[in-house]
Amino acid sequence: MLQFISDDGYRRMIGKQLNITEARHRLARRIFFGQRGELRQHYREGMEDQLGALGLALNSVVLWNSLYLDRAAKQLAADGFPVTDDLLARLSPLQFDHINFLGRYAFLRPQDAGRRPLREPAAGEDDGGEPQPASG
């Protein structure tokens, strides 16, 4: 506790770790039952199943975001934008504004192997100025 009070660098490190943990919890609450975060099962195994599914969905979102953040950073670097290590360190795969959490989903295997192309920055908005949900 004294180190936290007296060491500014240690305090910043703890603050960064807390911010990452809070961002992960925000994403998990958003995924988990439409932001209500309720365990609906009345028995332990059912609760464990729900939490396991939450972990799988959370890890899937983080993996998806990580792959596309990496791809976007490489594309920016190829286009001549100065992608620095400091800039990359500030990116987080815990963002979720582009994900449609509620609705109908189709999990179809695409005809072409590989990932879908990156969207152009101006192409991600519809007439209302809101980002369009990710399709997959």
C-alpha atoms as a PDB file:
ATOM      1  CA  MET A   1       0.000   0.000   0.000  1.00  0.00           C
ATOM      2  CA  LEU A   2       2.848   2.381   0.790  1.00  0.00           C
ATOM      3  CA  GLN A   3       4.447   1.671  -2.580  1.00  0.00           C
ATOM      4  CA  PHE A   4       1.176   2.604  -4.299  1.00  0.00           C
ATOM      5  CA  ILE A   5       1.056   5.886  -2.390  1.00  0.00           C
ATOM      6  CA  SER A   6       4.719   6.835  -2.819  1.00  0.00           C
ATOM      7  CA  ASP A   7       5.624   5.505  -6.307  1.00  0.00           C
ATOM      8  CA  ASP A   8       4.051   7.416  -9.206  1.00  0.00           C
ATOM      9  CA  GLY A   9       5.197   4.854 -11.814  1.00  0.00           C
ATOM     10  CA  TYR A  10       3.717   1.984  -9.821  1.00  0.00           C
ATOM     11  CA  ARG A  11       0.430   3.892  -9.479  1.00  0.00           C
ATOM     12  CA  ARG A  12       0.292   4.436 -13.258  1.00  0.00           C
ATOM     13  CA  MET A  13       0.991   0.743 -13.912  1.00  0.00           C
ATOM     14  CA  ILE A  14      -1.813  -0.310 -11.541  1.00  0.00           C
ATOM     15  CA  GLY A  15      -4.141   2.258 -13.171  1.00  0.00           C
ATOM     16  CA  LYS A  16      -3.431   0.822 -16.642  1.00  0.00           C
ATOM     17  CA  GLN A  17      -4.134  -2.712 -15.432  1.00  0.00           C
ATOM     18  CA  LEU A  18      -7.391  -1.588 -13.813  1.00  0.00           C
ATOM     19  CA  ASN A  19      -8.466   0.167 -17.030  1.00  0.00           C
ATOM     20  CA  ILE A  20      -7.859  -2.991 -19.068  1.00  0.00           C
ATOM     21  CA  THR A  21      -9.770  -5.119 -16.550  1.00  0.00           C
ATOM     22  CA  GLU A  22     -12.677  -2.666 -16.483  1.00  0.00           C
ATOM     23  CA  ALA A  23     -12.805  -2.622 -20.306  1.00  0.00           C
ATOM     24  CA  ARG A  24     -12.936  -6.428 -20.323  1.00  0.00           C
ATOM     25  CA  HIS A  25     -15.777  -6.398 -17.787  1.00  0.00           C
ATOM     26  CA  ARG A  26     -17.655  -3.770 -19.834  1.00  0.00           C
ATOM     27  CA  LEU A  27     -17.432  -5.999 -22.897  1.00  0.00           C
ATOM     28  CA  ALA A  28     -18.462  -9.084 -20.900  1.00  0.00           C
ATOM     29  CA  ARG A  29     -21.500  -7.266 -19.455  1.00  0.00           C
ATOM     30  CA  ARG A  30     -22.466  -6.170 -22.955  1.00  0.00           C
ATOM     31  CA  ILE A  31     -22.217  -9.719 -24.313  1.00  0.00           C
ATOM     32  CA  PHE A  32     -23.834 -11.376 -21.310  1.00  0.00           C
ATOM     33  CA  PHE A  33     -27.598 -11.486 -21.693  1.00  0.00           C
ATOM     34  CA  GLY A  34     -28.207  -8.178 -23.391  1.00  0.00           C
ATOM     35  CA  GLN A  35     -26.275  -6.162 -20.806  1.00  0.00           C
ATOM     36  CA  ARG A  36     -28.386  -7.479 -17.915  1.00  0.00           C
ATOM     37  CA  GLY A  37     -25.704  -9.862 -16.632  1.00  0.00           C
ATOM     38  CA  GLU A  38     -28.050 -12.337 -14.986  1.00  0.00           C
ATOM     39  CA  LEU A  39     -27.295 -15.980 -14.333  1.00  0.00           C
ATOM     40  CA  ARG A  40     -30.649 -17.602 -15.124  1.00  0.00           C
ATOM     41  CA  GLN A  41     -29.835 -21.188 -14.202  1.00  0.00           C
ATOM     42  CA  HIS A  42     -30.710 -22.392 -10.721  1.00  0.00           C
ATOM     43  CA  TYR A  43     -28.065 -25.079 -10.559  1.00  0.00           C
ATOM     44  CA  ARG A  44     -24.299 -24.849 -10.489  1.00  0.00           C
ATOM     45  CA  GLU A  45     -23.569 -26.736 -13.729  1.00  0.00           C
ATOM     46  CA  GLY A  46     -25.970 -24.498 -15.650  1.00  0.00           C
ATOM     47  CA  MET A  47     -24.276 -21.386 -14.297  1.00  0.00           C
ATOM     48  CA  GLU A  48     -20.887 -22.811 -15.214  1.00  0.00           C
ATOM     49  CA  ASP A  49     -22.170 -23.481 -18.736  1.00  0.00           C
ATOM     50  CA  GLN A  50     -23.400 -19.891 -19.051  1.00  0.00           C
ATOM     51  CA  LEU A  51     -20.084 -18.506 -17.813  1.00  0.00           C
ATOM     52  CA  GLY A  52     -18.170 -20.838 -20.138  1.00  0.00           C
ATOM     53  CA  ALA A  53     -20.215 -19.628 -23.103  1.00  0.00           C
ATOM     54  CA  LEU A  54     -19.569 -16.036 -22.029  1.00  0.00           C
ATOM     55  CA  GLY A  55     -15.838 -16.729 -21.933  1.00  0.00           C
ATOM     56  CA  LEU A  56     -15.966 -18.273 -25.404  1.00  0.00           C
ATOM     57  CA  ALA A  57     -17.908 -15.321 -26.830  1.00  0.00           C
ATOM     58  CA  LEU A  58     -15.637 -12.792 -25.111  1.00  0.00           C
ATOM     59  CA  ASN A  59     -12.496 -14.497 -26.396  1.00  0.00           C
ATOM     60  CA  SER A  60     -14.009 -14.667 -29.891  1.00  0.00           C
ATOM     61  CA  VAL A  61     -14.640 -10.909 -29.928  1.00  0.00           C
ATOM     62  CA  VAL A  62     -11.106 -10.186 -28.690  1.00  0.00           C
ATOM     63  CA  LEU A  63      -9.588 -12.517 -31.310  1.00  0.00           C
ATOM     64  CA  TRP A  64     -11.715 -11.002 -34.099  1.00  0.00           C
ATOM     65  CA  ASN A  65     -10.762  -7.471 -33.072  1.00  0.00           C
ATOM     66  CA  SER A  66      -7.085  -8.385 -32.703  1.00  0.00           C
ATOM     67  CA  LEU A  67      -6.903  -9.878 -36.182  1.00  0.00           C
ATOM     68  CA  TYR A  68      -8.552  -6.878 -37.808  1.00  0.00           C
ATOM     69  CA  LEU A  69      -6.628  -4.291 -35.760  1.00  0.00           C
ATOM     70  CA  ASP A  70      -3.410  -5.958 -36.905  1.00  0.00           C
ATOM     71  CA  ARG A  71      -4.596  -6.008 -40.482  1.00  0.00           C
ATOM     72  CA  ALA A  72      -5.714  -2.359 -40.345  1.00  0.00           C
ATOM     73  CA  ALA A  73      -2.386  -1.271 -38.815  1.00  0.00           C
ATOM     74  CA  LYS A  74      -0.461  -3.086 -41.542  1.00  0.00           C
ATOM     75  CA  GLN A  75      -2.651  -1.482 -44.221  1.00  0.00           C
ATOM     76  CA  LEU A  76      -2.095   1.982 -42.722  1.00  0.00           C
ATOM     77  CA  ALA A  77       1.665   1.385 -42.638  1.00  0.00           C
ATOM     78  CA  ALA A  78       1.585   0.203 -46.272  1.00  0.00           C
ATOM     79  CA  ASP A  79      -0.330   3.391 -47.184  1.00  0.00           C
ATOM     80  CA  GLY A  80       2.426   5.518 -45.642  1.00  0.00           C
ATOM     81  CA  PHE A  81       0.795   6.406 -42.313  1.00  0.00           C
ATOM     82  CA  PRO A  82       3.395   6.477 -39.510  1.00  0.00           C
ATOM     83  CA  VAL A  83       2.302   3.521 -37.364  1.00  0.00           C
ATOM     84  CA  THR A  84       4.498   3.820 -34.274  1.00  0.00           C
ATOM     85  CA  ASP A  85       4.920   1.439 -31.347  1.00  0.00           C
ATOM     86  CA  ASP A  86       3.376   4.106 -29.093  1.00  0.00           C
ATOM     87  CA  LEU A  87       0.294   4.221 -31.316  1.00  0.00           C
ATOM     88  CA  LEU A  88      -0.001   0.427 -31.408  1.00  0.00           C
ATOM     89  CA  ALA A  89       0.332   0.237 -27.612  1.00  0.00           C
ATOM     90  CA  ARG A  90      -2.799   2.386 -27.286  1.00  0.00           C
ATOM     91  CA  LEU A  91      -5.002   0.085 -29.380  1.00  0.00           C
ATOM     92  CA  SER A  92      -7.346  -2.253 -27.553  1.00  0.00           C
ATOM     93  CA  PRO A  93      -9.153  -5.345 -28.861  1.00  0.00           C
ATOM     94  CA  LEU A  94     -11.805  -4.771 -26.177  1.00  0.00           C
ATOM     95  CA  GLN A  95     -13.775  -2.247 -28.253  1.00  0.00           C
ATOM     96  CA  PHE A  96     -17.282  -3.267 -29.254  1.00  0.00           C
ATOM     97  CA  ASP A  97     -19.144  -0.354 -30.868  1.00  0.00           C
ATOM     98  CA  HIS A  98     -19.045  -2.146 -34.231  1.00  0.00           C
ATOM     99  CA  ILE A  99     -20.633  -5.360 -32.935  1.00  0.00           C
ATOM    100  CA  ASN A 100     -24.352  -6.133 -33.109  1.00  0.00           C
ATOM    101  CA  PHE A 101     -25.075  -7.979 -29.865  1.00  0.00           C
ATOM    102  CA  LEU A 102     -28.794  -8.377 -30.360  1.00  0.00           C
ATOM    103  CA  GLY A 103     -30.581  -9.753 -33.389  1.00  0.00           C
ATOM    104  CA  ARG A 104     -30.317 -12.624 -35.800  1.00  0.00           C
ATOM    105  CA  TYR A 105     -27.031 -14.155 -36.821  1.00  0.00           C
ATOM    106  CA  ALA A 106     -26.114 -16.306 -39.783  1.00  0.00           C
ATOM    107  CA  PHE A 107     -22.950 -18.341 -39.472  1.00  0.00           C
ATOM    108  CA  LEU A 108     -22.288 -19.271 -43.054  1.00  0.00           C
ATOM    109  CA  ARG A 109     -18.982 -20.357 -44.447  1.00  0.00           C
ATOM    110  CA  PRO A 110     -17.906 -17.853 -47.095  1.00  0.00           C
ATOM    111  CA  GLN A 111     -17.200 -19.140 -50.588  1.00  0.00           C
ATOM    112  CA  ASP A 112     -13.781 -17.462 -50.673  1.00  0.00           C
ATOM    113  CA  ALA A 113     -11.217 -18.483 -48.092  1.00  0.00           C
ATOM    114  CA  GLY A 114      -9.674 -15.810 -45.901  1.00  0.00           C
ATOM    115  CA  ARG A 115     -10.941 -12.702 -44.199  1.00  0.00           C
ATOM    116  CA  ARG A 116     -13.351 -10.145 -45.556  1.00  0.00           C
ATOM    117  CA  PRO A 117     -11.756  -6.906 -46.801  1.00  0.00           C
ATOM    118  CA  LEU A 118     -11.308  -3.911 -44.534  1.00  0.00           C
ATOM    119  CA  ARG A 119     -13.972  -1.240 -44.817  1.00  0.00           C
ATOM    120  CA  GLU A 120     -13.088   2.199 -46.065  1.00  0.00           C
ATOM    121  CA  PRO A 121     -13.480   4.790 -43.268  1.00  0.00           C
ATOM    122  CA  ALA A 122     -16.276   6.646 -45.103  1.00  0.00           C
ATOM    123  CA  ALA A 123     -18.080   3.426 -46.088  1.00  0.00           C
ATOM    124  CA  GLY A 124     -18.835   2.416 -42.471  1.00  0.00           C
ATOM    125  CA  GLU A 125     -21.735   4.838 -42.053  1.00  0.00           C
ATOM    126  CA  ASP A 126     -25.265   4.794 -43.368  1.00  0.00           C
ATOM    127  CA  ASP A 127     -27.532   7.792 -43.985  1.00  0.00           C
ATOM    128  CA  GLY A 128     -28.103   8.346 -40.255  1.00  0.00           C
ATOM    129  CA  GLY A 129     -24.385   8.674 -39.466  1.00  0.00           C
ATOM    130  CA  GLU A 130     -24.405   5.572 -37.268  1.00  0.00           C
ATOM    131  CA  PRO A 131     -21.829   2.807 -37.804  1.00  0.00           C
ATOM    132  CA  GLN A 132     -23.256  -0.247 -39.503  1.00  0.00           C
ATOM    133  CA  PRO A 133     -23.068  -3.489 -37.497  1.00  0.00           C
ATOM    134  CA  ALA A 134     -20.352  -5.947 -38.421  1.00  0.00           C
ATOM    135  CA  SER A 135     -21.596  -8.789 -40.516  1.00  0.00           C
ATOM    136  CA  GLY A 136     -19.377 -11.467 -39.331  1.00  0.00           C
END
